[in-house]
Amino acid sequence: MKLLTVKQVAKISGVSIRALHHYDDIGLLKPALTGRNRYRYYGQEELLRLQQILIHRELDIPLSEIAGILDAPGFDRLATLQQQRQRLEA
């Protein structure tokens, strides 16, 4: 997968550029790399993390707690998605 700019990620995710910059500033969602032009570039792993962030935000979980959940040792993305699906179905 090619790298996407912050503008492209904002467009496909519905998250504002400002929010993506904020997520970077607080360490919640770091870009795959920052170019010499200081542009942020995101890859597949970052997009998957953003997906998790957005799902947790829909559940009204504060950003500070989301970071703890996603960065916890043993965090299992698939198991978490399955649990979130069950919550949404309930």
Protein backbone atom coordinates (compact mmCIF):
# COMPACT_ATOMS: atom_id res chain seq x y z
CA MET A 1 0.00 0.00 0.00
CA LYS A 2 1.25 3.45 -0.78
CA LEU A 3 1.54 6.10 1.88
CA LEU A 4 -1.25 8.64 2.21
CA THR A 5 -0.96 12.28 3.19
CA VAL A 6 -2.85 13.66 6.16
CA LYS A 7 -5.25 15.32 3.72
CA GLN A 8 -6.00 12.01 2.01
CA VAL A 9 -6.51 10.24 5.34
CA ALA A 10 -8.83 13.01 6.49
CA LYS A 11 -10.87 12.70 3.30
CA ILE A 12 -11.30 8.92 3.41
CA SER A 13 -11.88 8.70 7.18
CA GLY A 14 -14.07 11.74 7.77
CA VAL A 15 -11.69 12.93 10.49
CA SER A 16 -10.48 16.50 10.23
CA ILE A 17 -6.86 17.31 9.48
CA ARG A 18 -6.78 19.20 12.76
CA ALA A 19 -7.90 16.08 14.66
CA LEU A 20 -5.24 13.97 12.95
CA HIS A 21 -2.60 16.55 13.90
CA HIS A 22 -3.92 16.46 17.48
CA TYR A 23 -3.75 12.65 17.55
CA ASP A 24 -0.12 12.92 16.44
CA ASP A 25 0.67 15.60 19.03
CA ILE A 26 -0.69 13.49 21.90
CA GLY A 27 0.95 10.31 20.61
CA LEU A 28 -2.31 8.50 19.84
CA LEU A 29 -1.73 8.17 16.09
CA LYS A 30 1.77 8.76 14.82
CA PRO A 31 2.33 8.89 11.05
CA ALA A 32 4.44 6.22 9.40
CA LEU A 33 6.87 8.98 8.49
CA THR A 34 7.22 12.71 8.31
CA GLY A 35 8.77 14.04 5.12
CA ARG A 36 11.37 16.74 4.78
CA ASN A 37 8.48 19.02 3.88
CA ARG A 38 7.04 18.18 7.34
CA TYR A 39 4.06 16.43 5.72
CA ARG A 40 2.72 13.47 7.65
CA TYR A 41 2.36 10.19 5.74
CA TYR A 42 0.24 7.25 6.87
CA GLY A 43 0.37 3.58 5.87
CA GLN A 44 -1.86 0.57 6.41
CA GLU A 45 -0.93 0.06 10.08
CA GLU A 46 -1.77 3.67 10.89
CA LEU A 47 -5.11 3.39 9.08
CA LEU A 48 -5.97 0.26 11.05
CA ARG A 49 -5.10 2.07 14.28
CA LEU A 50 -7.24 5.03 13.20
CA GLN A 51 -10.11 2.61 12.61
CA GLN A 52 -9.75 1.36 16.19
CA ILE A 53 -9.61 4.94 17.49
CA LEU A 54 -12.81 5.84 15.66
CA ILE A 55 -14.65 2.76 16.90
CA HIS A 56 -13.65 3.55 20.49
CA ARG A 57 -14.69 7.18 20.03
CA GLU A 58 -18.14 5.99 18.89
CA LEU A 59 -18.36 4.17 22.21
CA ASP A 60 -17.60 7.51 23.98
CA ILE A 61 -14.26 6.33 25.32
CA PRO A 62 -11.92 9.29 26.06
CA LEU A 63 -8.78 9.62 23.94
CA SER A 64 -6.54 9.08 26.96
CA GLU A 65 -8.20 5.73 27.64
CA ILE A 66 -8.08 4.73 23.98
CA ALA A 67 -4.32 5.15 23.97
CA GLY A 68 -4.04 2.88 26.99
CA ILE A 69 -6.24 0.23 25.39
CA LEU A 70 -4.44 0.21 22.04
CA ASP A 71 -0.96 0.30 23.60
CA ALA A 72 -1.62 -2.36 26.25
CA PRO A 73 0.61 -5.43 26.11
CA GLY A 74 -1.28 -8.26 24.50
CA PHE A 75 -3.76 -6.01 22.68
CA ASP A 76 -5.47 -8.20 20.08
CA ARG A 77 -6.97 -6.18 17.22
CA LEU A 78 -9.13 -9.04 15.93
CA ALA A 79 -10.52 -9.96 19.34
CA THR A 80 -11.27 -6.31 20.03
CA LEU A 81 -13.12 -5.94 16.73
CA GLN A 82 -15.20 -9.02 17.54
CA GLN A 83 -16.08 -7.64 20.98
CA GLN A 84 -17.01 -4.27 19.49
CA ARG A 85 -19.24 -5.98 16.94
CA GLN A 86 -21.04 -7.85 19.73
CA ARG A 87 -21.58 -4.58 21.63
CA LEU A 88 -22.98 -2.89 18.55
CA GLU A 89 -25.34 -5.79 17.88
CA ALA A 90 -26.58 -5.70 21.50
